Amino acid sequence: MVAGQLCRALTAVAEHPGLHQDELTAQLRAALLDFGSRTPDNLDAVRHLAVLRAGQPGRRARLVLARSGYACAQVLRGAAGSPVPSSVRTRFPDLRQAEWTAVLQVTGLTLGAFEAEAAAAAP
């Protein structure tokens, strides 16, 4: 199951501190492409993603933007409250601002659940 492969790759970021960040990055990129297909936009998107392990081997990892190191979950949560983009508004004309904010917030929280730091802090 392709969705299961993606879930396992995301979970590995949080649950397998012994795996090298380059291995986790490769697994996640492959799983994302298998799940979403190898379209030009998906190929471009995965090139911007990486798994970054802070400090020494065995430390916790998180899903980040490769160039800046910004955590993807934090970027999404930071966009909460931003106006609905016109392309989204065109496709979903009845979408309310509060609903758009909810989509960003919940997606950011969901991504954060797969990050090792967020997983370690969860009860």
PDB file of N, CA and C in Angstrom:
ATOM      1  N   MET A   1       0.845  -1.173   0.000  1.00  0.00           N
ATOM      2  CA  MET A   1       0.000   0.000   0.000  1.00  0.00           C
ATOM      3  C   MET A   1       0.893   1.239   0.000  1.00  0.00           C
ATOM      4  N   VAL A   2       0.673   2.108  -0.955  1.00  0.00           N
ATOM      5  CA  VAL A   2       1.510   3.284  -1.140  1.00  0.00           C
ATOM      6  C   VAL A   2       1.311   4.283   0.000  1.00  0.00           C
ATOM      7  N   ALA A   3       0.085   4.468   0.458  1.00  0.00           N
ATOM      8  CA  ALA A   3      -0.163   5.385   1.577  1.00  0.00           C
ATOM      9  C   ALA A   3       0.529   4.888   2.838  1.00  0.00           C
ATOM     10  N   GLY A   4       0.527   3.584   3.044  1.00  0.00           N
ATOM     11  CA  GLY A   4       1.209   3.004   4.203  1.00  0.00           C
ATOM     12  C   GLY A   4       2.707   3.256   4.151  1.00  0.00           C
ATOM     13  N   GLN A   5       3.273   3.182   2.960  1.00  0.00           N
ATOM     14  CA  GLN A   5       4.709   3.452   2.788  1.00  0.00           C
ATOM     15  C   GLN A   5       5.024   4.900   3.178  1.00  0.00           C
ATOM     16  N   LEU A   6       4.170   5.815   2.785  1.00  0.00           N
ATOM     17  CA  LEU A   6       4.378   7.221   3.139  1.00  0.00           C
ATOM     18  C   LEU A   6       4.250   7.415   4.646  1.00  0.00           C
ATOM     19  N   CYS A   7       3.254   6.806   5.252  1.00  0.00           N
ATOM     20  CA  CYS A   7       3.088   6.912   6.710  1.00  0.00           C
ATOM     21  C   CYS A   7       4.295   6.342   7.442  1.00  0.00           C
ATOM     22  N   ARG A   8       4.819   5.199   6.975  1.00  0.00           N
ATOM     23  CA  ARG A   8       6.014   4.604   7.599  1.00  0.00           C
ATOM     24  C   ARG A   8       7.227   5.507   7.439  1.00  0.00           C
ATOM     25  N   ALA A   9       7.375   6.141   6.276  1.00  0.00           N
ATOM     26  CA  ALA A   9       8.512   7.044   6.055  1.00  0.00           C
ATOM     27  C   ALA A   9       8.419   8.258   6.968  1.00  0.00           C
ATOM     28  N   LEU A  10       7.224   8.798   7.147  1.00  0.00           N
ATOM     29  CA  LEU A  10       7.045   9.933   8.051  1.00  0.00           C
ATOM     30  C   LEU A  10       7.279   9.517   9.499  1.00  0.00           C
ATOM     31  N   THR A  11       6.767   8.367   9.872  1.00  0.00           N
ATOM     32  CA  THR A  11       6.940   7.879  11.235  1.00  0.00           C
ATOM     33  C   THR A  11       8.404   7.608  11.538  1.00  0.00           C
ATOM     34  N   ALA A  12       9.150   7.164  10.548  1.00  0.00           N
ATOM     35  CA  ALA A  12      10.570   6.883  10.746  1.00  0.00           C
ATOM     36  C   ALA A  12      11.338   8.132  11.169  1.00  0.00           C
ATOM     37  N   VAL A  13      10.882   9.298  10.724  1.00  0.00           N
ATOM     38  CA  VAL A  13      11.534  10.548  11.122  1.00  0.00           C
ATOM     39  C   VAL A  13      11.500  10.677  12.642  1.00  0.00           C
ATOM     40  N   ALA A  14      10.372  10.333  13.244  1.00  0.00           N
ATOM     41  CA  ALA A  14      10.203  10.481  14.690  1.00  0.00           C
ATOM     42  C   ALA A  14      10.703   9.276  15.482  1.00  0.00           C
ATOM     43  N   GLU A  15      10.591   8.092  14.924  1.00  0.00           N
ATOM     44  CA  GLU A  15      10.798   6.898  15.735  1.00  0.00           C
ATOM     45  C   GLU A  15      12.106   6.160  15.506  1.00  0.00           C
ATOM     46  N   HIS A  16      12.914   6.569  14.560  1.00  0.00           N
ATOM     47  CA  HIS A  16      14.153   5.852  14.276  1.00  0.00           C
ATOM     48  C   HIS A  16      15.356   6.782  14.347  1.00  0.00           C
ATOM     49  N   PRO A  17      15.740   7.185  15.557  1.00  0.00           N
ATOM     50  CA  PRO A  17      16.854   8.123  15.686  1.00  0.00           C
ATOM     51  C   PRO A  17      18.187   7.546  15.222  1.00  0.00           C
ATOM     52  N   GLY A  18      18.272   6.237  15.039  1.00  0.00           N
ATOM     53  CA  GLY A  18      19.521   5.634  14.585  1.00  0.00           C
ATOM     54  C   GLY A  18      19.750   5.742  13.089  1.00  0.00           C
ATOM     55  N   LEU A  19      18.706   6.024  12.322  1.00  0.00           N
ATOM     56  CA  LEU A  19      18.860   6.141  10.877  1.00  0.00           C
ATOM     57  C   LEU A  19      19.473   7.491  10.535  1.00  0.00           C
ATOM     58  N   HIS A  20      20.370   7.494   9.572  1.00  0.00           N
ATOM     59  CA  HIS A  20      21.023   8.731   9.151  1.00  0.00           C
ATOM     60  C   HIS A  20      20.014   9.625   8.441  1.00  0.00           C
ATOM     61  N   GLN A  21      20.160  10.937   8.608  1.00  0.00           N
ATOM     62  CA  GLN A  21      19.215  11.884   8.019  1.00  0.00           C
ATOM     63  C   GLN A  21      19.148  11.776   6.503  1.00  0.00           C
ATOM     64  N   ASP A  22      20.255  11.431   5.846  1.00  0.00           N
ATOM     65  CA  ASP A  22      20.225  11.285   4.384  1.00  0.00           C
ATOM     66  C   ASP A  22      19.372  10.081   3.976  1.00  0.00           C
ATOM     67  N   GLU A  23      19.447   9.002   4.758  1.00  0.00           N
ATOM     68  CA  GLU A  23      18.629   7.816   4.479  1.00  0.00           C
ATOM     69  C   GLU A  23      17.150   8.128   4.690  1.00  0.00           C
ATOM     70  N   LEU A  24      16.848   8.829   5.789  1.00  0.00           N
ATOM     71  CA  LEU A  24      15.462   9.215   6.048  1.00  0.00           C
ATOM     72  C   LEU A  24      14.930  10.142   4.954  1.00  0.00           C
ATOM     73  N   THR A  25      15.765  11.066   4.497  1.00  0.00           N
ATOM     74  CA  THR A  25      15.369  11.989   3.424  1.00  0.00           C
ATOM     75  C   THR A  25      15.059  11.214   2.151  1.00  0.00           C
ATOM     76  N   ALA A  26      15.928  10.295   1.773  1.00  0.00           N
ATOM     77  CA  ALA A  26      15.724   9.510   0.550  1.00  0.00           C
ATOM     78  C   ALA A  26      14.445   8.679   0.640  1.00  0.00           C
ATOM     79  N   GLN A  27      14.220   8.050   1.800  1.00  0.00           N
ATOM     80  CA  GLN A  27      13.006   7.241   1.982  1.00  0.00           C
ATOM     81  C   GLN A  27      11.753   8.105   1.879  1.00  0.00           C
ATOM     82  N   LEU A  28      11.781   9.262   2.505  1.00  0.00           N
ATOM     83  CA  LEU A  28      10.618  10.131   2.499  1.00  0.00           C
ATOM     84  C   LEU A  28      10.341  10.670   1.092  1.00  0.00           C
ATOM     85  N   ARG A  29      11.383  11.109   0.407  1.00  0.00           N
ATOM     86  CA  ARG A  29      11.196  11.606  -0.961  1.00  0.00           C
ATOM     87  C   ARG A  29      10.608  10.528  -1.864  1.00  0.00           C
ATOM     88  N   ALA A  30      11.129   9.321  -1.789  1.00  0.00           N
ATOM     89  CA  ALA A  30      10.623   8.214  -2.615  1.00  0.00           C
ATOM     90  C   ALA A  30       9.167   7.901  -2.275  1.00  0.00           C
ATOM     91  N   ALA A  31       8.846   7.878  -0.990  1.00  0.00           N
ATOM     92  CA  ALA A  31       7.477   7.574  -0.576  1.00  0.00           C
ATOM     93  C   ALA A  31       6.505   8.656  -1.031  1.00  0.00           C
ATOM     94  N   LEU A  32       6.910   9.915  -0.937  1.00  0.00           N
ATOM     95  CA  LEU A  32       6.058  11.009  -1.402  1.00  0.00           C
ATOM     96  C   LEU A  32       5.794  10.902  -2.900  1.00  0.00           C
ATOM     97  N   LEU A  33       6.820  10.575  -3.664  1.00  0.00           N
ATOM     98  CA  LEU A  33       6.647  10.453  -5.113  1.00  0.00           C
ATOM     99  C   LEU A  33       5.821   9.233  -5.479  1.00  0.00           C
ATOM    100  N   ASP A  34       5.995   8.135  -4.759  1.00  0.00           N
ATOM    101  CA  ASP A  34       5.174   6.950  -5.017  1.00  0.00           C
ATOM    102  C   ASP A  34       3.713   7.222  -4.692  1.00  0.00           C
ATOM    103  N   PHE A  35       3.477   7.977  -3.630  1.00  0.00           N
ATOM    104  CA  PHE A  35       2.113   8.300  -3.218  1.00  0.00           C
ATOM    105  C   PHE A  35       1.478   9.342  -4.141  1.00  0.00           C
ATOM    106  N   GLY A  36       2.216  10.392  -4.468  1.00  0.00           N
ATOM    107  CA  GLY A  36       1.657  11.509  -5.221  1.00  0.00           C
ATOM    108  C   GLY A  36       1.919  11.483  -6.701  1.00  0.00           C
ATOM    109  N   SER A  37       2.760  10.610  -7.175  1.00  0.00           N
ATOM    110  CA  SER A  37       3.170  10.460  -8.570  1.00  0.00           C
ATOM    111  C   SER A  37       4.382  11.339  -8.881  1.00  0.00           C
ATOM    112  N   ARG A  38       5.022  11.032  -9.972  1.00  0.00           N
ATOM    113  CA  ARG A  38       6.259  11.722 -10.356  1.00  0.00           C
ATOM    114  C   ARG A  38       5.987  12.843 -11.357  1.00  0.00           C
ATOM    115  N   THR A  39       5.048  13.694 -11.008  1.00  0.00           N
ATOM    116  CA  THR A  39       4.758  14.856 -11.851  1.00  0.00           C
ATOM    117  C   THR A  39       5.860  15.891 -11.639  1.00  0.00           C
ATOM    118  N   PRO A  40       6.046  16.789 -12.583  1.00  0.00           N
ATOM    119  CA  PRO A  40       7.087  17.813 -12.418  1.00  0.00           C
ATOM    120  C   PRO A  40       6.957  18.611 -11.120  1.00  0.00           C
ATOM    121  N   ASP A  41       5.719  18.964 -10.731  1.00  0.00           N
ATOM    122  CA  ASP A  41       5.566  19.742  -9.494  1.00  0.00           C
ATOM    123  C   ASP A  41       5.927  18.929  -8.261  1.00  0.00           C
ATOM    124  N   ASN A  42       5.604  17.647  -8.249  1.00  0.00           N
ATOM    125  CA  ASN A  42       5.979  16.792  -7.115  1.00  0.00           C
ATOM    126  C   ASN A  42       7.488  16.558  -7.077  1.00  0.00           C
ATOM    127  N   LEU A  43       8.097  16.333  -8.240  1.00  0.00           N
ATOM    128  CA  LEU A  43       9.555  16.158  -8.295  1.00  0.00           C
ATOM    129  C   LEU A  43      10.268  17.407  -7.776  1.00  0.00           C
ATOM    130  N   ASP A  44       9.757  18.570  -8.172  1.00  0.00           N
ATOM    131  CA  ASP A  44      10.352  19.814  -7.690  1.00  0.00           C
ATOM    132  C   ASP A  44      10.151  19.969  -6.184  1.00  0.00           C
ATOM    133  N   ALA A  45       8.967  19.638  -5.708  1.00  0.00           N
ATOM    134  CA  ALA A  45       8.666  19.803  -4.278  1.00  0.00           C
ATOM    135  C   ALA A  45       9.576  18.942  -3.410  1.00  0.00           C
ATOM    136  N   VAL A  46       9.765  17.676  -3.766  1.00  0.00           N
ATOM    137  CA  VAL A  46      10.573  16.805  -2.897  1.00  0.00           C
ATOM    138  C   VAL A  46      12.041  17.221  -2.876  1.00  0.00           C
ATOM    139  N   ARG A  47      12.490  17.890  -3.920  1.00  0.00           N
ATOM    140  CA  ARG A  47      13.876  18.386  -3.919  1.00  0.00           C
ATOM    141  C   ARG A  47      14.095  19.459  -2.849  1.00  0.00           C
ATOM    142  N   HIS A  48      13.011  20.098  -2.430  1.00  0.00           N
ATOM    143  CA  HIS A  48      13.099  21.148  -1.412  1.00  0.00           C
ATOM    144  C   HIS A  48      12.979  20.606   0.015  1.00  0.00           C
ATOM    145  N   LEU A  49      12.681  19.318   0.153  1.00  0.00           N
ATOM    146  CA  LEU A  49      12.480  18.720   1.468  1.00  0.00           C
ATOM    147  C   LEU A  49      13.701  17.944   1.922  1.00  0.00           C
ATOM    148  N   ALA A  50      13.900  17.908   3.221  1.00  0.00           N
ATOM    149  CA  ALA A  50      14.970  17.104   3.804  1.00  0.00           C
ATOM    150  C   ALA A  50      14.575  16.731   5.224  1.00  0.00           C
ATOM    151  N   VAL A  51      15.217  15.701   5.720  1.00  0.00           N
ATOM    152  CA  VAL A  51      15.116  15.371   7.132  1.00  0.00           C
ATOM    153  C   VAL A  51      16.414  15.852   7.754  1.00  0.00           C
ATOM    154  N   LEU A  52      16.282  16.650   8.787  1.00  0.00           N
ATOM    155  CA  LEU A  52      17.442  17.235   9.440  1.00  0.00           C
ATOM    156  C   LEU A  52      17.518  16.739  10.873  1.00  0.00           C
ATOM    157  N   ARG A  53      18.668  16.223  11.216  1.00  0.00           N
ATOM    158  CA  ARG A  53      18.898  15.765  12.581  1.00  0.00           C
ATOM    159  C   ARG A  53      19.766  16.795  13.263  1.00  0.00           C
ATOM    160  N   ALA A  54      19.257  17.373  14.325  1.00  0.00           N
ATOM    161  CA  ALA A  54      19.994  18.401  15.053  1.00  0.00           C
ATOM    162  C   ALA A  54      21.114  17.752  15.866  1.00  0.00           C
ATOM    163  N   GLY A  55      22.308  18.238  15.692  1.00  0.00           N
ATOM    164  CA  GLY A  55      23.428  17.765  16.503  1.00  0.00           C
ATOM    165  C   GLY A  55      23.993  16.437  16.060  1.00  0.00           C
ATOM    166  N   GLN A  56      24.334  15.623  17.034  1.00  0.00           N
ATOM    167  CA  GLN A  56      25.027  14.360  16.765  1.00  0.00           C
ATOM    168  C   GLN A  56      24.084  13.259  16.273  1.00  0.00           C
ATOM    169  N   PRO A  57      24.678  12.173  15.735  1.00  0.00           N
ATOM    170  CA  PRO A  57      23.856  11.010  15.360  1.00  0.00           C
ATOM    171  C   PRO A  57      23.085  10.526  16.582  1.00  0.00           C
ATOM    172  N   GLY A  58      21.892  10.023  16.345  1.00  0.00           N
ATOM    173  CA  GLY A  58      21.049   9.570  17.427  1.00  0.00           C
ATOM    174  C   GLY A  58      20.141  10.654  17.974  1.00  0.00           C
ATOM    175  N   ARG A  59      20.357  11.913  17.546  1.00  0.00           N
ATOM    176  CA  ARG A  59      19.493  13.017  17.982  1.00  0.00           C
ATOM    177  C   ARG A  59      18.192  12.981  17.190  1.00  0.00           C
ATOM    178  N   ARG A  60      17.226  13.685  17.654  1.00  0.00           N
ATOM    179  CA  ARG A  60      15.911  13.706  17.019  1.00  0.00           C
ATOM    180  C   ARG A  60      15.950  14.445  15.679  1.00  0.00           C
ATOM    181  N   ALA A  61      15.007  14.085  14.802  1.00  0.00           N
ATOM    182  CA  ALA A  61      14.976  14.641  13.448  1.00  0.00           C
ATOM    183  C   ALA A  61      13.651  15.351  13.204  1.00  0.00           C
ATOM    184  N   ARG A  62      13.657  16.156  12.139  1.00  0.00           N
ATOM    185  CA  ARG A  62      12.419  16.832  11.731  1.00  0.00           C
ATOM    186  C   ARG A  62      12.424  17.038  10.223  1.00  0.00           C
ATOM    187  N   LEU A  63      11.229  17.201   9.669  1.00  0.00           N
ATOM    188  CA  LEU A  63      11.051  17.451   8.244  1.00  0.00           C
ATOM    189  C   LEU A  63      11.215  18.950   8.016  1.00  0.00           C
ATOM    190  N   VAL A  64      12.170  19.316   7.148  1.00  0.00           N
ATOM    191  CA  VAL A  64      12.505  20.724   6.948  1.00  0.00           C
ATOM    192  C   VAL A  64      12.581  21.065   5.469  1.00  0.00           C
ATOM    193  N   LEU A  65      12.649  22.360   5.204  1.00  0.00           N
ATOM    194  CA  LEU A  65      12.985  22.841   3.869  1.00  0.00           C
ATOM    195  C   LEU A  65      14.504  22.775   3.772  1.00  0.00           C
ATOM    196  N   ALA A  66      15.001  22.102   2.746  1.00  0.00           N
ATOM    197  CA  ALA A  66      16.423  21.769   2.657  1.00  0.00           C
ATOM    198  C   ALA A  66      17.340  22.989   2.701  1.00  0.00           C
ATOM    199  N   ARG A  67      17.000  24.047   2.008  1.00  0.00           N
ATOM    200  CA  ARG A  67      17.885  25.209   1.937  1.00  0.00           C
ATOM    201  C   ARG A  67      17.947  25.975   3.252  1.00  0.00           C
ATOM    202  N   SER A  68      16.782  26.255   3.822  1.00  0.00           N
ATOM    203  CA  SER A  68      16.726  27.119   5.004  1.00  0.00           C
ATOM    204  C   SER A  68      16.757  26.375   6.325  1.00  0.00           C
ATOM    205  N   GLY A  69      16.317  25.116   6.306  1.00  0.00           N
ATOM    206  CA  GLY A  69      16.225  24.359   7.551  1.00  0.00           C
ATOM    207  C   GLY A  69      14.960  24.643   8.341  1.00  0.00           C
ATOM    208  N   TYR A  70      14.049  25.452   7.778  1.00  0.00           N
ATOM    209  CA  TYR A  70      12.788  25.730   8.459  1.00  0.00           C
ATOM    210  C   TYR A  70      11.952  24.456   8.510  1.00  0.00           C
ATOM    211  N   ALA A  71      11.371  24.174   9.670  1.00  0.00           N
ATOM    212  CA  ALA A  71      10.492  23.010   9.815  1.00  0.00           C
ATOM    213  C   ALA A  71       9.212  23.246   9.009  1.00  0.00           C
ATOM    214  N   CYS A  72       8.834  22.264   8.207  1.00  0.00           N
ATOM    215  CA  CYS A  72       7.636  22.388   7.365  1.00  0.00           C
ATOM    216  C   CYS A  72       6.389  22.634   8.209  1.00  0.00           C
ATOM    217  N   ALA A  73       6.270  21.941   9.333  1.00  0.00           N
ATOM    218  CA  ALA A  73       5.098  22.114  10.191  1.00  0.00           C
ATOM    219  C   ALA A  73       5.024  23.537  10.724  1.00  0.00           C
ATOM    220  N   GLN A  74       6.145  24.102  11.100  1.00  0.00           N
ATOM    221  CA  GLN A  74       6.146  25.465  11.630  1.00  0.00           C
ATOM    222  C   GLN A  74       5.786  26.481  10.546  1.00  0.00           C
ATOM    223  N   VAL A  75       6.265  26.255   9.329  1.00  0.00           N
ATOM    224  CA  VAL A  75       5.938  27.160   8.226  1.00  0.00           C
ATOM    225  C   VAL A  75       4.426  27.148   7.982  1.00  0.00           C
ATOM    226  N   LEU A  76       3.837  25.957   7.948  1.00  0.00           N
ATOM    227  CA  LEU A  76       2.390  25.869   7.739  1.00  0.00           C
ATOM    228  C   LEU A  76       1.622  26.541   8.862  1.00  0.00           C
ATOM    229  N   ARG A  77       2.016  26.261  10.096  1.00  0.00           N
ATOM    230  CA  ARG A  77       1.320  26.887  11.226  1.00  0.00           C
ATOM    231  C   ARG A  77       1.524  28.402  11.211  1.00  0.00           C
ATOM    232  N   GLY A  78       2.662  28.856  10.722  1.00  0.00           N
ATOM    233  CA  GLY A  78       2.907  30.289  10.612  1.00  0.00           C
ATOM    234  C   GLY A  78       2.023  30.960   9.587  1.00  0.00           C
ATOM    235  N   ALA A  79       1.516  30.194   8.629  1.00  0.00           N
ATOM    236  CA  ALA A  79       0.639  30.752   7.595  1.00  0.00           C
ATOM    237  C   ALA A  79      -0.804  30.865   8.061  1.00  0.00           C
ATOM    238  N   ALA A  80      -1.115  30.327   9.236  1.00  0.00           N
ATOM    239  CA  ALA A  80      -2.489  30.388   9.748  1.00  0.00           C
ATOM    240  C   ALA A  80      -2.942  31.840   9.813  1.00  0.00           C
ATOM    241  N   GLY A  81      -4.132  32.085   9.324  1.00  0.00           N
ATOM    242  CA  GLY A  81      -4.676  33.435   9.310  1.00  0.00           C
ATOM    243  C   GLY A  81      -4.376  34.201   8.036  1.00  0.00           C
ATOM    244  N   SER A  82      -3.517  33.638   7.177  1.00  0.00           N
ATOM    245  CA  SER A  82      -3.227  34.321   5.916  1.00  0.00           C
ATOM    246  C   SER A  82      -4.453  34.245   5.000  1.00  0.00           C
ATOM    247  N   PRO A  83      -4.607  35.214   4.135  1.00  0.00           N
ATOM    248  CA  PRO A  83      -5.778  35.225   3.248  1.00  0.00           C
ATOM    249  C   PRO A  83      -5.824  33.991   2.354  1.00  0.00           C
ATOM    250  N   VAL A  84      -7.034  33.600   2.009  1.00  0.00           N
ATOM    251  CA  VAL A  84      -7.220  32.470   1.094  1.00  0.00           C
ATOM    252  C   VAL A  84      -6.635  32.858  -0.257  1.00  0.00           C
ATOM    253  N   PRO A  85      -5.686  32.072  -0.788  1.00  0.00           N
ATOM    254  CA  PRO A  85      -5.117  32.395  -2.104  1.00  0.00           C
ATOM    255  C   PRO A  85      -6.199  32.392  -3.186  1.00  0.00           C
ATOM    256  N   SER A  86      -6.018  33.220  -4.183  1.00  0.00           N
ATOM    257  CA  SER A  86      -7.026  33.334  -5.244  1.00  0.00           C
ATOM    258  C   SER A  86      -7.242  32.008  -5.964  1.00  0.00           C
ATOM    259  N   SER A  87      -6.191  31.205  -6.143  1.00  0.00           N
ATOM    260  CA  SER A  87      -6.360  29.913  -6.814  1.00  0.00           C
ATOM    261  C   SER A  87      -7.228  28.965  -5.985  1.00  0.00           C
ATOM    262  N   VAL A  88      -7.110  29.044  -4.677  1.00  0.00           N
ATOM    263  CA  VAL A  88      -7.952  28.222  -3.795  1.00  0.00           C
ATOM    264  C   VAL A  88      -9.375  28.773  -3.808  1.00  0.00           C
ATOM    265  N   ARG A  89      -9.496  30.072  -3.747  1.00  0.00           N
ATOM    266  CA  ARG A  89     -10.821  30.719  -3.759  1.00  0.00           C
ATOM    267  C   ARG A  89     -11.570  30.369  -5.045  1.00  0.00           C
ATOM    268  N   THR A  90     -10.868  30.323  -6.176  1.00  0.00           N
ATOM    269  CA  THR A  90     -11.493  29.982  -7.456  1.00  0.00           C
ATOM    270  C   THR A  90     -12.022  28.550  -7.437  1.00  0.00           C
ATOM    271  N   ARG A  91     -11.223  27.663  -6.877  1.00  0.00           N
ATOM    272  CA  ARG A  91     -11.620  26.245  -6.855  1.00  0.00           C
ATOM    273  C   ARG A  91     -12.687  25.959  -5.805  1.00  0.00           C
ATOM    274  N   PHE A  92     -12.656  26.687  -4.703  1.00  0.00           N
ATOM    275  CA  PHE A  92     -13.600  26.494  -3.599  1.00  0.00           C
ATOM    276  C   PHE A  92     -14.228  27.842  -3.228  1.00  0.00           C
ATOM    277  N   PRO A  93     -15.147  28.342  -4.060  1.00  0.00           N
ATOM    278  CA  PRO A  93     -15.659  29.699  -3.887  1.00  0.00           C
ATOM    279  C   PRO A  93     -16.391  29.944  -2.561  1.00  0.00           C
ATOM    280  N   ASP A  94     -16.903  28.903  -1.928  1.00  0.00           N
ATOM    281  CA  ASP A  94     -17.630  29.078  -0.673  1.00  0.00           C
ATOM    282  C   ASP A  94     -16.742  28.899   0.561  1.00  0.00           C
ATOM    283  N   LEU A  95     -15.464  28.700   0.352  1.00  0.00           N
ATOM    284  CA  LEU A  95     -14.546  28.493   1.472  1.00  0.00           C
ATOM    285  C   LEU A  95     -14.428  29.774   2.299  1.00  0.00           C
ATOM    286  N   ARG A  96     -14.632  29.642   3.570  1.00  0.00           N
ATOM    287  CA  ARG A  96     -14.538  30.805   4.472  1.00  0.00           C
ATOM    288  C   ARG A  96     -13.107  30.936   4.994  1.00  0.00           C
ATOM    289  N   GLN A  97     -12.767  32.139   5.391  1.00  0.00           N
ATOM    290  CA  GLN A  97     -11.425  32.404   5.926  1.00  0.00           C
ATOM    291  C   GLN A  97     -11.121  31.495   7.121  1.00  0.00           C
ATOM    292  N   ALA A  98     -12.076  31.327   8.016  1.00  0.00           N
ATOM    293  CA  ALA A  98     -11.866  30.482   9.196  1.00  0.00           C
ATOM    294  C   ALA A  98     -11.599  29.030   8.797  1.00  0.00           C
ATOM    295  N   GLU A  99     -12.232  28.572   7.736  1.00  0.00           N
ATOM    296  CA  GLU A  99     -12.008  27.208   7.264  1.00  0.00           C
ATOM    297  C   GLU A  99     -10.614  27.063   6.666  1.00  0.00           C
ATOM    298  N   TRP A 100     -10.173  28.069   5.922  1.00  0.00           N
ATOM    299  CA  TRP A 100      -8.822  28.067   5.355  1.00  0.00           C
ATOM    300  C   TRP A 100      -7.788  28.038   6.476  1.00  0.00           C
ATOM    301  N   THR A 101      -8.006  28.844   7.492  1.00  0.00           N
ATOM    302  CA  THR A 101      -7.107  28.867   8.638  1.00  0.00           C
ATOM    303  C   THR A 101      -7.087  27.501   9.317  1.00  0.00           C
ATOM    304  N   ALA A 102      -8.238  26.860   9.429  1.00  0.00           N
ATOM    305  CA  ALA A 102      -8.318  25.530  10.034  1.00  0.00           C
ATOM    306  C   ALA A 102      -7.530  24.501   9.217  1.00  0.00           C
ATOM    307  N   VAL A 103      -7.635  24.569   7.893  1.00  0.00           N
ATOM    308  CA  VAL A 103      -6.876  23.647   7.027  1.00  0.00           C
ATOM    309  C   VAL A 103      -5.372  23.810   7.269  1.00  0.00           C
ATOM    310  N   LEU A 104      -4.905  25.045   7.296  1.00  0.00           N
ATOM    311  CA  LEU A 104      -3.478  25.291   7.530  1.00  0.00           C
ATOM    312  C   LEU A 104      -3.053  24.806   8.910  1.00  0.00           C
ATOM    313  N   GLN A 105      -3.847  25.110   9.921  1.00  0.00           N
ATOM    314  CA  GLN A 105      -3.505  24.749  11.289  1.00  0.00           C
ATOM    315  C   GLN A 105      -3.476  23.232  11.473  1.00  0.00           C
ATOM    316  N   VAL A 106      -4.513  22.552  11.014  1.00  0.00           N
ATOM    317  CA  VAL A 106      -4.592  21.100  11.191  1.00  0.00           C
ATOM    318  C   VAL A 106      -3.509  20.387  10.389  1.00  0.00           C
ATOM    319  N   THR A 107      -3.236  20.868   9.185  1.00  0.00           N
ATOM    320  CA  THR A 107      -2.174  20.254   8.379  1.00  0.00           C
ATOM    321  C   THR A 107      -0.823  20.464   9.043  1.00  0.00           C
ATOM    322  N   GLY A 108      -0.574  21.638   9.577  1.00  0.00           N
ATOM    323  CA  GLY A 108       0.671  21.894  10.298  1.00  0.00           C
ATOM    324  C   GLY A 108       0.804  21.023  11.526  1.00  0.00           C
ATOM    325  N   LEU A 109      -0.273  20.869  12.275  1.00  0.00           N
ATOM    326  CA  LEU A 109      -0.244  20.000  13.452  1.00  0.00           C
ATOM    327  C   LEU A 109      -0.016  18.544  13.069  1.00  0.00           C
ATOM    328  N   THR A 110      -0.653  18.119  11.979  1.00  0.00           N
ATOM    329  CA  THR A 110      -0.485  16.742  11.519  1.00  0.00           C
ATOM    330  C   THR A 110       0.959  16.480  11.122  1.00  0.00           C
ATOM    331  N   LEU A 111       1.543  17.389  10.353  1.00  0.00           N
ATOM    332  CA  LEU A 111       2.958  17.245   9.996  1.00  0.00           C
ATOM    333  C   LEU A 111       3.837  17.245  11.242  1.00  0.00           C
ATOM    334  N   GLY A 112       3.520  18.120  12.165  1.00  0.00           N
ATOM    335  CA  GLY A 112       4.289  18.200  13.403  1.00  0.00           C
ATOM    336  C   GLY A 112       4.259  16.918  14.205  1.00  0.00           C
ATOM    337  N   ALA A 113       3.177  16.160  14.096  1.00  0.00           N
ATOM    338  CA  ALA A 113       3.076  14.899  14.822  1.00  0.00           C
ATOM    339  C   ALA A 113       4.123  13.893  14.364  1.00  0.00           C
ATOM    340  N   PHE A 114       4.589  14.024  13.135  1.00  0.00           N
ATOM    341  CA  PHE A 114       5.598  13.111  12.607  1.00  0.00           C
ATOM    342  C   PHE A 114       7.013  13.563  12.903  1.00  0.00           C
ATOM    343  N   GLU A 115       7.155  14.768  13.412  1.00  0.00           N
ATOM    344  CA  GLU A 115       8.486  15.251  13.747  1.00  0.00           C
ATOM    345  C   GLU A 115       8.887  14.715  15.111  1.00  0.00           C
ATOM    346  N   ALA A 116      10.127  14.358  15.227  1.00  0.00           N
ATOM    347  CA  ALA A 116      10.609  13.746  16.458  1.00  0.00           C
ATOM    348  C   ALA A 116      10.422  14.654  17.654  1.00  0.00           C
ATOM    349  N   GLU A 117      10.680  15.950  17.528  1.00  0.00           N
ATOM    350  CA  GLU A 117      10.556  16.857  18.668  1.00  0.00           C
ATOM    351  C   GLU A 117       9.115  16.921  19.136  1.00  0.00           C
ATOM    352  N   ALA A 118       8.184  17.002  18.188  1.00  0.00           N
ATOM    353  CA  ALA A 118       6.782  17.050  18.566  1.00  0.00           C
ATOM    354  C   ALA A 118       6.339  15.714  19.173  1.00  0.00           C
ATOM    355  N   ALA A 119       6.824  14.613  18.607  1.00  0.00           N
ATOM    356  CA  ALA A 119       6.458  13.302  19.118  1.00  0.00           C
ATOM    357  C   ALA A 119       6.993  13.102  20.526  1.00  0.00           C
ATOM    358  N   ALA A 120       8.187  13.593  20.806  1.00  0.00           N
ATOM    359  CA  ALA A 120       8.781  13.437  22.129  1.00  0.00           C
ATOM    360  C   ALA A 120       8.045  14.275  23.162  1.00  0.00           C
ATOM    361  N   ALA A 121       7.473  15.398  22.734  1.00  0.00           N
ATOM    362  CA  ALA A 121       6.790  16.300  23.663  1.00  0.00           C
ATOM    363  C   ALA A 121       5.344  15.869  23.911  1.00  0.00           C
ATOM    364  N   ALA A 122       4.803  15.016  23.060  1.00  0.00           N
ATOM    365  CA  ALA A 122       3.413  14.591  23.197  1.00  0.00           C
ATOM    366  C   ALA A 122       3.256  13.707  24.433  1.00  0.00           C
ATOM    367  N   PRO A 123       2.069  13.781  25.095  1.00  0.00           N
ATOM    368  CA  PRO A 123       1.844  12.946  26.280  1.00  0.00           C
ATOM    369  C   PRO A 123       1.720  11.485  25.941  1.00  0.00           C
TER     370      PRO A 123
END
